[in-house]
Protein backbone atom coordinates (compact mmCIF):
# COMPACT_ATOMS: atom_id res chain seq x y z
CA MET A 1 0.00 0.00 0.00
CA ILE A 2 1.33 3.43 -0.92
CA HIS A 3 1.21 5.85 2.00
CA MET A 4 -0.61 9.13 1.44
CA LEU A 5 2.26 11.27 2.74
CA THR A 6 4.67 9.66 0.28
CA VAL A 7 2.30 10.36 -2.59
CA ALA A 8 1.64 13.92 -1.44
CA LEU A 9 5.25 14.91 -0.82
CA LEU A 10 6.96 16.36 -3.84
CA VAL A 11 10.20 14.46 -3.57
CA VAL A 12 12.22 17.05 -5.42
CA GLY A 13 15.20 18.33 -3.44
CA LEU A 14 15.02 21.79 -1.94
CA GLN A 15 18.09 22.81 -3.93
CA ASP A 16 16.60 22.11 -7.35
CA GLY A 17 17.10 25.62 -8.69
CA LYS A 18 13.62 26.89 -7.85
CA LYS A 19 14.65 29.62 -5.43
CA ASP A 20 11.26 31.34 -5.41
CA GLU A 21 9.36 28.18 -4.58
CA ARG A 22 7.54 28.35 -1.25
CA ALA A 23 5.26 26.07 0.71
CA LYS A 24 1.64 27.01 0.25
CA MET A 25 -1.19 26.59 2.72
CA ASP A 26 -3.46 23.61 2.00
CA GLU A 27 -1.02 22.17 -0.56
CA PRO A 28 1.46 19.27 -0.35
CA VAL A 29 4.93 20.21 0.86
CA LYS A 30 8.31 19.06 -0.41
CA ASP A 31 10.42 16.48 1.32
CA PHE A 32 13.81 17.31 2.81
CA LYS A 33 16.72 15.42 4.33
CA LEU A 34 18.69 17.12 7.12
CA LYS A 35 21.30 16.09 9.66
CA ASP A 36 20.24 15.68 13.30
CA VAL A 37 22.50 17.78 15.54
CA MET A 38 21.39 15.81 18.62
CA GLN A 39 23.22 12.63 17.52
CA ASP A 40 26.91 11.88 18.01
CA GLU A 41 26.97 9.80 14.86
CA GLU A 42 25.90 11.24 11.53
CA LYS A 43 22.15 10.66 11.25
CA PHE A 44 19.74 12.22 8.79
CA PHE A 45 15.97 12.60 8.91
CA SER A 46 13.48 13.28 6.14
CA LEU A 47 9.92 14.49 6.39
CA SER A 48 8.92 11.33 4.53
CA ASP A 49 10.36 9.23 7.40
CA TYR A 50 7.16 10.15 9.26
CA LYS A 51 4.64 9.14 6.59
CA ASP A 52 2.86 6.82 9.05
CA ARG A 53 2.18 9.58 11.58
CA LYS A 54 -1.13 11.39 11.89
CA ALA A 55 0.66 14.74 11.77
CA VAL A 56 4.15 16.24 11.76
CA VAL A 57 5.06 19.53 13.42
CA LEU A 58 8.14 21.42 12.29
CA PHE A 59 9.45 23.54 15.16
CA PHE A 60 11.82 26.24 13.85
CA VAL A 61 14.24 27.13 16.63
CA SER A 62 17.31 29.27 17.29
CA ASP A 63 19.41 29.12 20.43
CA LYS A 64 19.76 32.91 20.34
CA CYS A 65 16.03 33.71 20.31
CA ALA A 66 14.65 35.30 23.50
CA VAL A 67 11.09 34.39 22.52
CA THR A 68 12.00 30.70 22.16
CA TRP A 69 13.64 30.88 25.59
CA ALA A 70 10.48 32.43 27.07
CA TYR A 71 8.35 29.69 25.51
CA GLU A 72 10.23 26.57 26.57
CA ARG A 73 7.60 25.37 29.12
CA ARG A 74 4.70 25.90 26.72
CA ILE A 75 6.56 24.14 23.91
CA GLY A 76 7.42 21.24 26.25
CA ARG A 77 3.73 20.85 27.19
CA LEU A 78 2.74 20.84 23.53
CA PHE A 79 5.21 18.01 22.89
CA GLU A 80 3.90 16.02 25.85
CA ASP A 81 0.24 16.49 24.94
CA PHE A 82 0.48 15.47 21.29
CA ARG A 83 3.25 12.85 21.12
CA LYS A 84 0.79 10.42 22.71
CA GLN A 85 -1.53 11.08 19.77
CA ASP A 86 0.88 9.90 17.05
CA VAL A 87 2.24 13.35 16.22
CA ALA A 88 5.93 13.67 15.31
CA PHE A 89 7.90 16.79 16.23
CA LEU A 90 11.01 17.84 14.33
CA GLY A 91 13.11 20.79 15.40
CA ILE A 92 14.68 22.78 12.58
CA SER A 93 17.66 24.94 13.49
CA SER A 94 17.16 27.94 11.26
CA GLY A 95 19.11 30.81 12.82
CA ALA A 96 21.58 32.38 10.40
CA ASN A 97 24.33 32.46 13.03
CA ASP A 98 23.54 29.13 14.71
CA THR A 99 26.07 26.34 14.70
CA PRO A 100 25.12 22.68 15.16
CA GLU A 101 27.08 22.59 18.44
CA GLN A 102 25.32 25.64 19.91
CA VAL A 103 21.88 24.37 18.94
CA ARG A 104 22.57 20.93 20.42
CA LYS A 105 23.76 22.42 23.70
CA TYR A 106 20.71 24.70 23.90
CA CYS A 107 18.26 21.85 23.20
CA GLU A 108 19.97 19.57 25.74
CA VAL A 109 19.78 22.26 28.43
CA LYS A 110 16.09 22.86 27.65
CA ASN A 111 15.35 19.10 27.57
CA PHE A 112 13.85 19.26 24.08
CA ASP A 113 13.67 15.53 23.40
CA LEU A 114 13.30 15.48 19.61
CA PRO A 115 15.47 15.38 16.51
CA VAL A 116 16.81 18.86 15.82
CA LEU A 117 17.82 19.18 12.21
CA PHE A 118 20.43 21.61 10.92
CA ASP A 119 18.90 23.59 8.06
CA ASP A 120 21.56 23.78 5.39
CA GLN A 121 19.13 23.25 2.49
CA GLY A 122 16.86 26.28 2.77
CA VAL A 123 13.94 24.62 4.56
CA ALA A 124 13.24 27.85 6.48
CA ALA A 125 13.21 29.79 3.21
CA TYR A 126 10.85 27.24 1.62
CA TYR A 127 8.40 27.68 4.53
CA ASP A 128 9.08 31.45 4.56
CA VAL A 129 10.16 31.34 8.21
CA ARG A 130 11.91 34.57 9.19
CA MET A 131 11.90 34.28 12.98
CA THR A 132 11.65 31.72 15.76
CA PRO A 133 9.82 29.98 17.23
CA ILE A 134 7.55 29.20 14.30
CA PHE A 135 5.55 26.01 13.87
CA CYS A 136 4.29 24.30 10.73
CA VAL A 137 1.63 21.61 11.06
CA ILE A 138 1.57 19.06 8.25
CA ASP A 139 -1.24 16.52 8.04
CA LYS A 140 -0.96 12.79 7.24
CA LYS A 141 -1.37 13.55 3.53
CA GLY A 142 1.69 15.83 3.56
CA VAL A 143 -0.37 19.02 3.30
CA LEU A 144 0.53 22.21 5.17
CA ARG A 145 -2.39 23.08 7.48
CA PHE A 146 -0.92 25.71 9.83
CA LYS A 147 2.07 28.04 10.02
CA GLY A 148 2.85 30.54 12.73
CA GLY A 149 3.41 31.20 16.39
CA LEU A 150 2.41 28.94 19.26
CA ASP A 151 -0.30 31.04 20.88
CA ASP A 152 -2.03 34.41 21.16
CA CYS A 153 0.66 35.70 23.54
CA GLN A 154 3.45 35.35 20.97
CA THR A 155 3.36 39.04 20.14
CA ARG A 156 5.88 41.81 20.74
CA ASP A 157 3.98 43.11 23.78
CA ARG A 158 2.82 39.84 25.34
CA PHE A 159 5.44 37.10 24.83
CA ARG A 160 6.72 37.39 28.40
CA GLU A 161 3.27 37.07 29.97
CA PRO A 162 2.66 34.07 32.25
CA ASP A 163 1.35 30.82 30.82
CA GLU A 164 -2.06 31.43 32.43
CA SER A 165 -2.67 34.46 30.20
CA VAL A 166 -2.82 32.33 27.03
CA LYS A 167 -6.35 32.15 25.65
CA THR A 168 -5.66 30.38 22.34
CA CYS A 169 -2.91 27.87 21.50
CA TYR A 170 -2.96 28.03 17.71
CA VAL A 171 -0.67 25.04 17.20
CA GLY A 172 -2.65 22.89 19.65
CA ASP A 173 -5.94 23.90 18.01
CA ALA A 174 -4.54 23.15 14.54
CA LEU A 175 -3.33 19.73 15.69
CA LYS A 176 -6.70 18.90 17.26
CA ALA A 177 -8.47 19.81 14.02
CA VAL A 178 -6.05 17.79 11.88
CA LEU A 179 -6.33 14.75 14.18
CA ASP A 180 -10.14 15.01 14.09
CA GLY A 181 -10.19 15.38 10.29
CA LYS A 182 -11.63 18.90 10.49
CA GLU A 183 -10.69 22.21 8.93
CA VAL A 184 -8.14 24.28 10.83
CA ALA A 185 -9.85 27.48 11.96
CA THR A 186 -6.74 29.68 12.18
CA ARG A 187 -4.29 28.55 9.52
CA GLU A 188 -1.73 31.31 9.93
CA PHE A 189 -0.64 33.49 12.81
CA ALA A 190 2.05 36.10 12.18
CA ALA A 191 3.85 35.85 15.48
CA TYR A 192 6.67 37.79 17.07
CA GLY A 193 10.07 36.15 17.42
């Protein structure tokens, strides 16, 4: 049986000369293959490695981002809540000045237990990610269903507010909708990072 994600993914490399190509909401996304900075040995992961999952979340991260630092507890809770529901989380190190060593150290200190992939192929550019933390939710068919910040507090004025002040977790809501086979209500949230 051919898996839907494999069929939906456009298995063209990200460095195929199409520099203006971008992921589009509600359309299949391209596959990628990136090195995991969390492994001592050289290990690579592809989006298509997770074709059997109900959803995949790309978590764009930089060890130098104050917003990511302020969000570590909320991000950790998101991981805990949805891993049990067959959702895969992949960190993507996308900071221009990040090194694999710095990102690994940061993620180890913050106890982010997930593959963290070093973006040397333009994955952040393909998803048009210009800040961190940004999340992309991809459904089991390989279709982009959400892109943006974690919650309604991820704004310039509110990102340091306590966890209790969050009214809407956009990523959590998008995942619930995808897992239930429903439309995602808020598909994009231009967050601060």
